[in-house]
Protein backbone atom coordinates (compact mmCIF):
# COMPACT_ATOMS: atom_id res chain seq x y z
CA TRP A 1 0.02 0.10 -0.07
CA ARG A 2 3.01 2.25 0.66
CA GLN A 3 4.03 2.09 -3.08
CA PHE A 4 0.74 2.16 -4.32
CA TRP A 5 -0.44 5.66 -2.59
CA SER A 6 2.94 7.32 -2.95
CA THR A 7 3.44 6.73 -6.62
CA THR A 8 -0.10 7.41 -8.18
CA ASN A 9 -1.90 10.84 -8.08
CA MET A 10 -5.40 8.61 -7.45
CA LYS A 11 -7.28 10.05 -4.52
CA ARG A 12 -7.84 7.44 -1.60
CA SER A 13 -11.22 6.39 -1.02
CA SER A 14 -13.19 6.18 2.31
CA SER A 15 -11.93 2.48 2.48
CA PHE A 16 -8.39 3.53 3.02
CA ASN A 17 -9.55 4.84 6.38
CA ALA A 18 -11.52 1.33 7.25
CA ILE A 19 -8.61 -0.62 6.14
CA PHE A 20 -6.04 0.89 8.66
CA GLU A 21 -8.68 1.25 11.44
CA LEU A 22 -8.32 5.01 11.58
CA GLU A 23 -10.71 5.87 14.38
CA HIS A 24 -12.40 9.37 15.22
CA GLU A 25 -10.96 11.32 18.26
CA GLU A 26 -12.02 14.68 19.45
CA PRO A 27 -9.44 17.15 19.13
CA LYS A 28 -8.31 19.03 22.09
CA GLY A 29 -9.51 22.59 22.70
CA GLU A 30 -12.36 22.38 20.28
CA GLU A 31 -16.04 21.52 21.07
CA PRO A 32 -18.32 19.61 18.41
CA LYS A 33 -21.08 21.88 17.27
CA GLY A 34 -23.64 18.94 17.03
CA GLU A 35 -23.87 15.30 16.61
CA GLY A 36 -23.15 15.13 13.03
CA GLY A 37 -24.19 16.63 9.59
CA LYS A 38 -23.75 20.23 9.13
CA GLY A 39 -22.17 22.29 11.46
CA ALA A 40 -20.52 19.46 13.39
CA ALA A 41 -16.78 19.80 13.96
CA ARG A 42 -14.55 17.47 12.13
CA LYS A 43 -12.53 15.14 14.33
CA PRO A 44 -8.93 14.13 13.77
CA LEU A 45 -8.11 10.44 13.35
CA LYS A 46 -6.07 8.42 15.63
CA CYS A 47 -3.25 6.40 14.36
CA CYS A 48 -0.20 4.59 15.54
CA GLU A 49 -1.03 4.60 19.30
CA GLY A 50 2.05 4.44 21.25
CA SER A 51 4.25 6.41 18.85
CA GLU A 52 5.86 9.37 19.71
CA ASP A 53 4.00 11.47 17.16
CA ARG A 54 0.59 12.09 18.18
CA ARG A 55 -0.45 14.60 15.46
CA GLY A 56 -3.95 14.16 14.19
CA LEU A 57 -5.11 12.91 10.64
CA TRP A 58 -7.90 14.70 9.21
CA PRO A 59 -10.65 12.21 7.42
CA ILE A 60 -10.33 12.14 3.73
CA PRO A 61 -13.87 12.91 2.44
CA GLU A 62 -15.72 11.15 -0.42
CA ARG A 63 -16.31 12.73 -3.71
CA SER A 64 -19.17 14.98 -3.38
CA GLY A 65 -21.10 17.98 -5.26
CA LYS A 66 -18.89 20.42 -3.26
CA GLY A 67 -15.62 18.81 -4.42
CA LEU A 68 -12.43 17.17 -2.73
CA MET A 69 -10.92 19.23 0.01
CA MET A 70 -7.96 18.15 2.04
CA LYS A 71 -6.95 20.42 5.09
CA LYS A 72 -3.65 20.14 6.97
CA GLY A 73 -2.77 22.33 9.83
CA GLY A 74 -5.57 24.66 8.79
CA GLN A 75 -4.19 25.30 5.37
CA ALA A 76 -5.65 24.10 2.35
CA ALA A 77 -3.81 22.09 -0.25
CA LYS A 78 -2.74 24.27 -3.24
CA SER A 79 -3.04 21.44 -6.11
CA SER A 80 -3.28 17.92 -6.79
CA GLY A 81 0.49 17.87 -6.55
CA GLY A 82 0.43 19.51 -2.82
CA TYR A 83 -2.12 16.85 -2.04
CA VAL A 84 -0.11 13.99 -2.91
CA HIS A 85 3.13 15.57 -1.15
CA GLN A 86 1.06 15.83 1.97
CA LEU A 87 -0.41 12.54 1.70
CA SER A 88 3.12 11.17 1.42
CA SER A 89 4.24 13.20 4.39
CA ARG A 90 1.31 11.79 6.68
CA LEU A 91 2.23 8.30 5.51
CA LYS A 92 5.87 8.96 6.50
CA GLY A 93 4.39 10.32 10.11
CA LEU A 94 2.97 7.02 10.61
CA MET A 95 6.51 5.60 10.96
CA VAL A 96 8.46 7.94 13.44
CA VAL A 97 12.23 6.70 12.98
CA PRO A 98 15.28 8.54 14.23
CA GLU A 99 17.11 10.17 11.41
CA LYS A 100 20.27 8.22 12.32
CA LEU A 101 18.37 4.84 11.84
CA MET A 102 17.01 6.43 8.49
CA ARG A 103 20.17 6.73 7.21
CA GLN A 104 21.46 3.58 7.81
CA ASN A 105 18.59 1.72 6.62
CA SER A 106 16.40 1.25 3.42
CA LEU A 107 12.65 2.11 3.25
CA ASP A 108 11.55 -1.52 3.61
CA GLN A 109 13.66 -2.05 6.68
CA LEU A 110 12.13 1.03 8.10
CA LEU A 111 8.76 -0.03 7.37
CA PHE A 112 9.49 -3.71 8.76
CA GLN A 113 10.94 -2.18 12.05
CA LYS A 114 7.42 -0.14 12.81
CA LEU A 115 5.21 -3.04 11.65
CA ASP A 116 6.95 -6.11 12.75
CA VAL A 117 4.18 -6.86 15.55
CA ASP A 118 0.86 -7.75 14.75
CA VAL A 119 1.42 -7.86 10.91
CA SER A 120 -1.59 -8.93 8.78
CA GLY A 121 -1.20 -12.46 6.69
CA ILE A 122 -0.73 -12.50 3.10
CA ALA A 123 -4.24 -13.67 2.70
CA GLU A 124 -5.71 -10.62 4.55
CA ASP A 125 -3.42 -8.39 2.32
CA VAL A 126 -4.90 -9.84 -0.83
CA SER A 127 -8.29 -9.61 0.28
CA VAL A 128 -8.04 -5.83 1.69
CA ASN A 129 -5.88 -5.06 -1.50
CA SER A 130 -8.35 -6.53 -3.75
CA GLN A 131 -11.26 -4.57 -2.60
CA VAL A 132 -9.05 -1.45 -2.71
CA ALA A 133 -8.58 -2.15 -6.60
CA ILE A 134 -12.40 -2.89 -6.86
CA ASP A 135 -13.17 0.36 -5.16
CA THR A 136 -10.48 2.37 -7.44
CA TYR A 137 -11.92 0.45 -10.47
CA PHE A 138 -15.45 1.54 -10.22
CA ASN A 139 -14.68 5.16 -9.20
CA PHE A 140 -12.84 5.13 -12.44
CA ILE A 141 -15.74 3.60 -14.38
CA LYS A 142 -18.14 6.09 -12.78
CA SER A 143 -15.80 8.82 -13.84
CA VAL A 144 -15.56 7.88 -17.35
CA TRP A 145 -19.42 7.55 -17.87
CA ARG A 146 -20.07 11.16 -16.41
CA VAL A 147 -17.62 12.25 -19.19
CA VAL A 148 -19.49 10.03 -21.67
CA LEU A 149 -22.90 11.46 -20.46
CA LEU A 150 -21.30 15.10 -20.82
CA ASP A 151 -21.65 15.52 -17.11
CA PHE A 152 -18.80 17.76 -16.53
CA SER A 153 -20.06 19.15 -13.22
CA PHE A 154 -17.16 17.46 -11.34
CA VAL A 155 -14.75 19.27 -13.27
CA ALA A 156 -16.55 22.66 -12.46
CA GLU A 157 -16.27 21.69 -9.06
CA LYS A 158 -12.51 20.93 -8.81
CA LEU A 159 -11.75 24.08 -10.60
CA GLY A 160 -14.25 26.32 -8.24
CA MET A 161 -12.43 24.74 -5.32
CA HIS A 162 -9.21 25.56 -6.65
CA TRP A 163 -9.98 29.37 -7.51
CA SER A 164 -11.50 29.71 -4.00
CA GLU A 165 -8.55 28.35 -2.27
CA LYS A 166 -6.39 30.73 -4.50
CA GLU A 167 -8.52 33.64 -3.54
CA ALA A 168 -8.56 32.86 0.18
CA GLY A 169 -4.74 33.05 0.29
CA PRO A 170 -2.13 31.34 2.54
CA SER A 171 -2.69 33.90 5.40
CA ARG A 172 -6.29 33.32 5.93
CA GLN A 173 -7.08 30.77 8.51
CA PRO A 174 -10.19 28.73 7.21
CA SER A 175 -13.18 28.34 9.50
CA SER A 176 -13.90 24.93 11.33
CA PRO A 177 -14.53 22.29 8.62
CA LYS A 178 -17.88 20.76 8.26
CA GLN A 179 -18.28 17.22 9.23
CA VAL A 180 -18.29 14.93 6.35
CA SER A 181 -19.82 11.52 6.34
CA VAL A 182 -17.28 8.77 5.47
CA ARG A 183 -18.59 5.77 3.97
CA ARG A 184 -17.13 2.31 4.92
CA SER A 185 -16.97 -0.70 3.00
CA PRO A 186 -19.03 -3.29 4.83
CA SER A 187 -16.94 -6.26 3.71
CA LEU A 188 -14.08 -4.35 4.75
CA ILE A 189 -15.42 -3.88 8.21
CA MET A 190 -16.49 -7.48 8.43
CA LEU A 191 -13.15 -8.54 7.54
CA LYS A 192 -11.35 -6.44 10.13
CA ALA A 193 -13.87 -7.44 12.83
CA SER A 194 -13.08 -11.04 11.93
CA MET A 195 -9.44 -10.84 12.77
CA LYS A 196 -8.34 -12.01 15.99
CA LYS A 197 -6.32 -9.54 18.01
CA LYS A 198 -3.25 -10.91 19.37
CA LYS A 199 -1.29 -9.27 22.18
CA SER A 200 2.04 -7.81 20.72
CA LYS A 201 4.99 -9.58 21.98
CA PHE A 202 8.28 -7.59 21.03
CA SER A 203 11.14 -9.34 22.81
CA ILE A 204 11.79 -11.53 25.61
CA MET A 205 12.45 -8.58 27.90
CA ASP A 206 9.03 -7.04 26.91
CA THR A 207 7.39 -10.47 27.32
CA ILE A 208 8.82 -10.97 30.94
CA THR A 209 7.91 -7.45 31.99
CA ASP A 210 4.39 -7.64 30.55
CA ALA A 211 3.94 -10.83 32.47
CA GLY A 212 4.93 -8.61 35.85
CA TYR A 213 8.33 -10.33 36.64
CA PRO A 214 11.59 -8.54 36.87
CA ILE A 215 14.16 -8.91 34.47
CA HIS A 216 17.84 -8.16 34.20
CA LYS A 217 20.14 -8.88 31.12
CA TYR A 218 23.97 -9.70 31.17
CA GLU A 219 26.44 -9.86 28.38
CA VAL A 220 28.93 -12.66 28.66
CA GLU A 221 32.03 -13.13 26.81
CA THR A 222 33.27 -16.59 25.71
CA LYS A 223 36.72 -17.84 25.51
CA ASP A 224 36.96 -17.61 21.57
CA GLY A 225 35.27 -14.07 21.59
CA TYR A 226 31.63 -14.35 21.01
CA LEU A 227 29.27 -12.24 23.17
CA LEU A 228 26.10 -13.64 24.51
CA ASP A 229 22.96 -12.57 26.06
CA LEU A 230 22.21 -13.91 29.67
CA TYR A 231 18.48 -12.89 31.02
CA ARG A 232 17.73 -13.31 34.59
CA ILE A 233 14.38 -13.18 36.54
CA PRO A 234 16.21 -12.35 39.91
CA ARG A 235 15.84 -13.67 43.10
CA PRO A 236 19.18 -12.57 44.71
CA GLU A 237 18.57 -13.68 48.01
CA SER A 238 17.60 -17.48 46.80
CA GLN A 239 20.14 -20.30 47.04
CA ASP A 240 18.16 -22.44 44.54
CA VAL A 241 19.35 -21.31 40.85
CA VAL A 242 18.18 -22.77 37.66
CA MET A 243 19.59 -22.11 34.45
CA PHE A 244 17.52 -22.86 31.14
CA GLN A 245 19.39 -23.59 27.78
CA HIS A 246 17.40 -23.78 24.39
CA GLY A 247 17.76 -26.31 21.51
CA MET A 248 18.58 -25.93 17.74
CA MET A 249 16.76 -22.72 16.02
CA ASP A 250 15.48 -21.53 19.16
CA SER A 251 16.24 -19.03 21.98
CA ALA A 252 16.01 -18.02 25.33
CA TYR A 253 12.46 -16.54 24.64
CA GLY A 254 10.96 -19.94 24.03
CA TRP A 255 10.89 -20.59 27.92
CA VAL A 256 8.75 -17.49 28.65
CA LEU A 257 7.01 -17.25 25.00
CA LYS A 258 3.59 -18.47 26.66
CA GLY A 259 3.79 -15.09 28.35
CA ASP A 260 1.97 -16.32 31.64
CA GLU A 261 2.57 -18.24 34.78
CA SER A 262 2.31 -21.58 32.82
CA ALA A 263 5.77 -20.89 31.19
CA ILE A 264 8.38 -22.89 32.77
CA ALA A 265 10.88 -19.89 33.46
CA PHE A 266 7.94 -18.40 35.26
CA ALA A 267 6.96 -21.52 37.24
CA ALA A 268 10.38 -21.87 38.40
CA TYR A 269 10.50 -18.44 39.75
CA ASP A 270 7.24 -18.92 41.37
CA ARG A 271 8.84 -21.78 43.33
CA GLY A 272 11.61 -19.67 44.65
CA PHE A 273 14.26 -20.31 42.15
CA ASP A 274 16.60 -17.42 40.94
CA VAL A 275 16.22 -18.18 37.04
CA PHE A 276 18.75 -17.57 34.26
CA LEU A 277 18.05 -17.95 30.69
CA ALA A 278 20.89 -18.61 28.35
CA ASN A 279 21.49 -18.02 24.65
CA PHE A 280 23.78 -19.79 22.23
CA ARG A 281 25.83 -17.95 19.52
CA GLY A 282 23.89 -17.58 16.29
CA THR A 283 20.96 -16.22 18.42
CA PRO A 284 20.46 -12.31 17.89
CA PRO A 285 22.01 -9.99 18.47
CA ARG A 286 25.05 -12.14 17.26
CA LYS A 287 27.81 -10.10 18.48
CA CYS A 288 31.51 -10.92 18.77
CA ARG A 289 35.14 -9.38 19.03
CA PRO A 290 37.11 -8.41 16.10
CA ARG A 291 39.35 -11.37 16.35
CA VAL A 292 36.60 -13.47 15.21
CA LYS A 293 36.87 -13.56 11.59
CA LYS A 294 34.22 -16.26 10.63
CA PHE A 295 31.25 -16.01 12.88
CA TRP A 296 29.33 -19.02 11.66
CA MET A 297 32.24 -21.47 12.11
CA TYR A 298 31.47 -23.68 15.22
CA THR A 299 30.07 -27.20 16.06
CA PHE A 300 28.65 -28.75 19.27
CA ASN A 301 32.03 -28.29 20.76
CA GLU A 302 32.03 -24.83 21.22
CA LEU A 303 28.43 -24.69 22.41
CA GLY A 304 29.31 -26.76 25.13
CA MET A 305 33.04 -25.80 25.69
CA TYR A 306 32.75 -22.20 25.30
CA ASP A 307 28.95 -20.95 25.43
CA MET A 308 27.74 -23.18 28.32
CA ARG A 309 31.02 -22.33 30.38
CA ALA A 310 30.83 -18.62 29.81
CA ALA A 311 27.18 -18.62 31.13
CA ILE A 312 27.75 -20.86 34.10
CA GLU A 313 30.80 -18.81 35.21
CA LYS A 314 28.95 -15.85 34.88
CA ILE A 315 26.11 -16.87 37.12
CA HIS A 316 28.80 -18.27 39.76
CA GLU A 317 30.62 -14.73 39.62
CA LEU A 318 27.08 -13.12 40.36
CA LYS A 319 25.95 -15.34 43.16
CA GLU A 320 29.11 -15.32 44.88
CA ALA A 321 29.35 -11.41 44.67
CA GLU A 322 25.63 -11.09 46.05
CA ARG A 323 26.42 -13.25 49.08
CA ALA A 324 29.56 -11.29 49.65
CA GLU A 325 27.52 -8.30 49.54
CA MET A 326 24.72 -9.63 51.90
CA GLU A 327 27.40 -10.80 54.46
CA ASN A 328 29.14 -7.46 54.29
CA ARG A 329 25.73 -5.89 55.18
CA LYS A 330 24.99 -8.57 57.67
CA GLU A 331 21.59 -8.99 56.27
CA GLU A 332 19.11 -11.33 58.04
CA ASP A 333 18.39 -13.00 54.72
CA ALA A 334 21.97 -13.39 53.58
CA LEU A 335 23.08 -16.83 51.85
CA SER A 336 24.21 -19.10 54.81
CA SER A 337 25.84 -21.53 52.22
CA SER A 338 26.85 -21.76 48.84
CA TYR A 339 24.17 -21.74 46.05
CA LYS A 340 22.96 -24.93 44.22
CA LEU A 341 22.98 -24.45 40.43
CA ARG A 342 20.40 -26.74 38.58
CA VAL A 343 20.64 -26.74 34.74
CA VAL A 344 18.08 -27.63 32.28
CA GLY A 345 18.83 -28.32 28.62
CA HIS A 346 16.51 -29.00 25.44
CA SER A 347 17.37 -31.04 22.60
CA LEU A 348 20.96 -29.24 21.29
CA GLY A 349 20.97 -27.63 24.97
CA GLY A 350 21.06 -31.04 26.52
CA ALA A 351 23.80 -32.27 24.33
CA ALA A 352 25.68 -29.04 24.95
CA LEU A 353 25.41 -29.45 28.76
CA LEU A 354 26.81 -32.82 28.51
CA ILE A 355 29.70 -31.56 26.60
CA TYR A 356 30.58 -28.95 28.99
CA LEU A 357 30.18 -31.27 32.17
CA ALA A 358 32.54 -33.78 30.33
CA ALA A 359 35.23 -31.32 29.59
CA ALA A 360 35.21 -29.98 33.17
CA LEU A 361 35.44 -33.39 34.44
CA LYS A 362 38.26 -34.30 32.12
CA GLN A 363 40.12 -30.99 33.23
CA LYS A 364 39.36 -31.61 36.78
CA ARG A 365 37.96 -28.07 37.28
CA ASP A 366 34.85 -26.91 39.13
CA HIS A 367 31.72 -27.14 37.10
CA HIS A 368 29.29 -25.63 39.62
CA ILE A 369 26.34 -27.89 38.68
CA HIS A 370 24.35 -29.54 41.47
CA ARG A 371 21.89 -31.23 39.11
CA MET A 372 21.07 -31.70 35.37
CA VAL A 373 17.84 -32.32 33.58
CA LEU A 374 17.96 -33.12 30.05
CA LEU A 375 14.58 -32.65 27.93
CA SER A 376 14.86 -34.93 24.89
CA PRO A 377 18.69 -34.30 24.57
CA ALA A 378 20.42 -34.58 21.15
CA GLY A 379 23.52 -36.82 20.83
CA ARG A 380 22.20 -40.35 19.86
CA HIS A 381 20.34 -40.71 16.62
CA GLU A 382 20.17 -44.42 15.63
CA HIS A 383 16.28 -44.81 15.49
CA SER A 384 13.82 -43.41 13.35
CA LEU A 385 15.89 -40.51 11.83
CA PRO A 386 13.32 -37.82 10.36
CA LEU A 387 13.02 -36.89 6.81
CA MET A 388 14.59 -33.37 7.28
CA ALA A 389 17.55 -34.86 9.24
CA ARG A 390 17.97 -37.23 6.28
CA ILE A 391 18.16 -34.39 3.69
CA LEU A 392 20.52 -32.38 5.74
CA CYS A 393 22.76 -35.58 5.86
CA LEU A 394 22.39 -36.09 2.36
CA MET A 395 23.30 -32.38 1.42
CA ASP A 396 26.46 -32.84 3.95
CA ARG A 397 27.53 -35.98 2.05
CA VAL A 398 27.35 -34.14 -1.34
CA LEU A 399 28.36 -30.47 -0.47
CA GLY A 400 29.69 -30.80 2.96
CA PRO A 401 33.39 -30.32 1.91
CA SER A 402 32.60 -26.91 0.53
CA LEU A 403 29.88 -25.64 2.73
CA LYS A 404 32.07 -26.29 5.85
CA THR A 405 34.47 -23.37 4.66
CA LEU A 406 31.74 -20.99 4.37
CA ASN A 407 31.14 -18.32 6.68
CA PHE A 408 27.22 -18.75 6.33
CA GLY A 409 24.40 -19.03 8.58
CA MET A 410 21.11 -20.71 8.04
CA THR A 411 18.42 -17.88 8.96
CA VAL A 412 16.10 -15.44 7.69
CA TYR A 413 17.91 -12.55 6.04
CA GLY A 414 16.58 -9.48 4.82
CA SER A 415 13.56 -7.39 6.17
CA VAL A 416 11.62 -7.92 2.97
CA ILE A 417 11.91 -11.72 3.43
CA ARG A 418 11.28 -11.81 7.22
CA VAL A 419 7.97 -9.65 6.53
CA GLY A 420 6.93 -12.38 4.02
CA ALA A 421 7.79 -15.09 6.22
CA GLN A 422 5.91 -13.43 9.17
CA LYS A 423 2.83 -12.83 7.15
CA MET A 424 3.13 -16.69 6.18
CA ALA A 425 3.51 -17.39 9.65
CA VAL A 426 0.12 -15.23 10.41
CA ASP A 427 -1.73 -16.95 7.61
CA VAL A 428 -1.07 -20.56 8.79
CA SER A 429 -1.99 -19.43 12.43
CA SER A 430 -5.17 -18.04 11.56
CA LEU A 431 -6.66 -19.87 8.55
CA PRO A 432 -7.72 -23.52 9.35
CA GLY A 433 -7.11 -24.60 5.91
CA LEU A 434 -3.58 -23.64 5.63
CA LYS A 435 -3.10 -24.63 9.16
CA GLY A 436 -3.97 -28.51 8.30
CA LEU A 437 -1.81 -28.30 5.38
CA PHE A 438 1.27 -27.27 7.41
CA ASP A 439 0.52 -29.82 9.85
CA ILE A 440 0.76 -32.54 7.26
CA LEU A 441 3.99 -30.81 5.84
CA CYS A 442 5.56 -30.78 9.50
CA ARG A 443 4.76 -34.48 10.30
CA ILE A 444 6.32 -35.51 7.00
CA LEU A 445 9.41 -33.78 7.56
CA PHE A 446 9.85 -34.12 11.27
CA GLY A 447 8.99 -38.04 11.71
CA GLY A 448 5.22 -37.53 12.57
CA ASP A 449 6.06 -35.03 15.31
CA ARG A 450 2.54 -33.05 15.78
CA SER A 451 4.29 -30.50 18.02
CA PHE A 452 6.08 -28.60 15.12
CA GLY A 453 2.64 -28.03 13.41
CA ASP A 454 1.14 -26.87 16.63
CA VAL A 455 4.05 -24.36 17.70
CA LEU A 456 6.09 -23.49 14.67
CA ALA A 457 3.86 -20.76 13.17
CA PRO A 458 2.56 -19.09 16.35
CA TYR A 459 6.13 -18.87 17.87
CA TRP A 460 7.69 -17.53 14.65
CA SER A 461 5.18 -14.91 14.07
CA PRO A 462 6.03 -12.55 16.83
CA TYR A 463 9.59 -13.42 16.83
CA ILE A 464 10.64 -13.81 12.92
CA GLN A 465 12.58 -10.33 13.21
CA SER A 466 15.14 -11.78 15.47
CA MET A 467 15.19 -15.44 13.96
CA PRO A 468 17.90 -17.64 15.58
CA GLY A 469 20.44 -19.15 13.03
CA LEU A 470 22.32 -22.47 12.38
CA CYS A 471 25.48 -22.90 10.96
CA TRP A 472 26.80 -25.86 8.88
CA GLY A 473 29.31 -27.07 11.38
CA ILE A 474 26.19 -27.89 13.65
CA VAL A 475 24.71 -30.10 10.64
CA ARG A 476 28.12 -31.49 9.83
CA HIS A 477 28.71 -32.66 13.34
CA GLY A 478 25.13 -34.25 13.75
CA HIS A 479 25.85 -35.85 10.65
CA GLN A 480 29.17 -37.62 12.17
CA ILE A 481 27.01 -38.86 15.31
CA VAL A 482 24.48 -40.31 12.84
CA ASN A 483 26.94 -42.14 11.09
CA GLY A 484 29.22 -43.05 14.14
CA LYS A 485 26.16 -44.15 16.13
CA CYS A 486 27.74 -42.63 19.28
CA PHE A 487 28.02 -39.32 20.89
CA SER A 488 31.43 -38.24 20.11
CA LEU A 489 33.15 -34.60 19.64
CA TYR A 490 33.62 -33.17 16.21
CA ASN A 491 35.88 -35.04 13.82
CA TYR A 492 38.26 -32.42 12.18
CA GLY A 493 38.91 -34.79 9.21
CA SER A 494 42.63 -35.82 9.55
CA ARG A 495 44.67 -37.30 12.18
CA ALA A 496 47.04 -34.19 12.60
CA GLU A 497 43.88 -31.88 13.25
CA ASN A 498 42.49 -34.34 15.98
CA LEU A 499 45.74 -34.81 17.55
CA LYS A 500 46.15 -30.89 18.01
CA HIS A 501 42.67 -30.52 19.46
CA TYR A 502 42.17 -33.79 21.41
CA GLY A 503 45.77 -35.37 21.55
CA SER A 504 44.42 -38.50 19.95
CA ALA A 505 43.85 -39.75 16.32
CA LEU A 506 40.15 -39.94 16.75
CA PRO A 507 37.74 -37.70 18.64
CA PRO A 508 36.71 -38.87 22.27
CA LYS A 509 33.35 -40.11 23.18
CA VAL A 510 31.36 -37.79 25.47
CA MET A 511 30.23 -40.35 27.77
CA ASP A 512 33.53 -41.74 28.52
CA ALA A 513 34.29 -38.76 30.82
CA TYR A 514 31.18 -39.68 33.09
CA GLU A 515 32.87 -42.91 34.20
CA ASN A 516 32.09 -43.38 38.18
CA VAL A 517 30.81 -39.77 38.28
CA ARG A 518 28.34 -39.60 41.03
CA SER A 519 28.58 -36.01 42.25
CA VAL A 520 25.94 -34.67 39.45
CA PRO A 521 22.58 -36.41 39.22
CA ILE A 522 20.74 -36.46 35.94
CA ASP A 523 17.36 -36.63 34.96
CA ILE A 524 16.47 -37.51 31.27
CA PHE A 525 13.11 -36.92 29.79
CA ALA A 526 11.64 -38.00 26.52
CA GLY A 527 8.63 -37.47 24.64
CA GLU A 528 6.46 -40.42 23.37
CA LYS A 529 5.56 -38.52 20.04
CA ASP A 530 8.92 -37.09 19.55
CA GLY A 531 9.95 -37.26 15.95
CA VAL A 532 13.34 -35.54 16.26
CA CYS A 533 14.77 -37.22 19.20
CA PRO A 534 12.94 -40.36 19.65
CA PRO A 535 12.54 -42.36 23.01
CA LYS A 536 14.33 -45.22 21.80
CA SER A 537 17.58 -42.70 20.98
CA VAL A 538 17.01 -40.88 24.21
CA TYR A 539 17.14 -44.21 26.32
CA LEU A 540 20.41 -45.24 24.83
CA GLN A 541 22.12 -42.07 26.50
CA TYR A 542 20.39 -43.32 29.78
CA LEU A 543 21.89 -46.81 29.24
CA GLU A 544 25.24 -45.25 28.72
CA LEU A 545 25.21 -43.32 31.88
CA GLU A 546 23.65 -45.77 34.07
CA ARG A 547 26.43 -48.19 33.00
CA ARG A 548 29.00 -45.80 34.12
CA GLY A 549 27.80 -45.53 37.51
CA VAL A 550 25.88 -42.02 37.04
CA PRO A 551 23.21 -41.69 39.42
CA VAL A 552 20.54 -41.05 36.40
CA THR A 553 16.73 -41.41 35.66
CA PHE A 554 14.65 -41.61 32.82
CA LYS A 555 10.97 -40.84 32.23
CA GLU A 556 8.92 -40.95 29.00
CA LEU A 557 6.01 -38.44 28.48
CA PRO A 558 2.88 -39.82 26.77
CA GLY A 559 1.78 -37.68 23.85
CA PHE A 560 4.93 -35.33 23.96
CA GLY A 561 6.38 -34.09 21.00
CA HIS A 562 9.82 -32.78 20.38
CA LEU A 563 8.59 -28.82 21.22
CA ASN A 564 6.15 -29.64 23.71
CA PHE A 565 8.67 -29.40 26.43
CA ILE A 566 9.20 -25.76 26.33
CA HIS A 567 6.62 -24.26 24.18
CA GLN A 568 3.57 -26.30 25.34
CA PRO A 569 4.30 -27.93 28.70
CA SER A 570 1.47 -29.52 30.59
CA GLU A 571 0.88 -28.52 34.10
CA GLU A 572 1.68 -32.13 35.28
CA PHE A 573 5.28 -31.87 33.68
CA THR A 574 6.23 -28.62 34.84
CA ASP A 575 5.23 -29.97 38.45
CA TYR A 576 7.12 -32.98 37.88
CA LEU A 577 10.18 -31.06 36.44
CA LEU A 578 10.08 -28.54 39.28
CA SER A 579 9.92 -31.30 41.82
CA ARG A 580 13.01 -32.87 40.43
CA LEU A 581 14.84 -29.69 40.30
CA SER A 582 13.97 -28.76 44.12
CA LEU A 583 15.70 -32.16 45.30
CA SER A 584 18.78 -31.57 47.27
């Protein structure tokens, strides 16, 4: 619509107001002269509520016997060219963007930055724009027939309006405009009324604040130069601490996405936990030090050895500093003993936590972990590999040697593509027919797992602008795990490289580091309907840990898919999970 109205000299019809929900508002300092009709004060239109620019937009009158008149700031438009210029400036007023930002971004990026929440779907756009086109077409046909029938009254009206404005002069302030009856298309009103209003969720910070919880944000630096965001729902006085780590193509936002107390992170806070939400590299804002030459070059190894270590050591630093401060102030609620950190990892996050703990045990350093909970962890994939994983493995087999050298992340690039993807997500979420087709496609790609069809579109719709990314090194490492039928560190492809990194010709197996480790209890959960990490594959990890003497439990949850653990957790599961975290 932006391009349409800014590149044509056509007058916008009353349906324009209905499309963009421009409601009437009483201007301050003016009193209406009546309920309506002749003598009633015209009211400005309210738009972009919440924007810094609160200026009113005057309603656009229909074509009438008295001509078309546009007023702005009390001055009449001089010509049709001036009208187009005014209309363009009003449309730009809808997007209040700092000048610095305007210099750095293209117009489509500015449009996306202002309209990235509650964006309409493609189907709605087609319907609304089709009605705009029909309205414009019939207005044109009406004008043509008036000319054919020698009815030139509209030309005289327009010329009369032009000369009257010219005689009035720019210094003369016009009297209060008359109330104009603005007709709205019934079909457009019905269309807009049928659309469900969704609560805007801008980011994890906004979601947590809107839910009524406190929020702190920290920036942690990994050993290899990546800068990661660490979020906290703080209880500084609590000794019970829990850190949640997301999985592949996800972010810390997933733990609070539901926006109410049923979200796992909020439920943990309500139980008295000091809650931390960690992010992997590849999750926005994707920052690093200048020494990092290729951002998208990492594997499971780096996620566990660097990302997890940076987040956990930051938590340790914060808790120890808070305890020391409380002891210095001799507060009654000062921590009497050291805190206890529980960690929860989902999918790839579970695999990264296993690598982190294995590395710490091998290096004989303090890992700071009191208990570990793994939700459908990655690491063993011998059974029922989904079609999507098979496609990625085939691509790695054919193109892997070339792709592994590219600094490329699999995410949604460009504002135009992000808006398109978000519109598709809105359509899938709101239209039952498309939702059914999307469910079928997801079940085909993800091994019959229904949770992807239920969760993906609603999740990506509000969060598409900061889409997490995936590098090819993760895919290649996963392919090695599938081929090797064991959970091992990344194979660099040559004896010399493996010796350089591991001191051995072959990469070590992760589970070998857990021999006779009894200091960290581990709880493993699997979903009965999980098509990405099937229960049989997850159970293999349980058997490996149990065989090595680790205190480990296993529980298979009936009806759970891969994404149900964090995006759609049941009340029973949340209660059970928190009961395991509360164990001493």
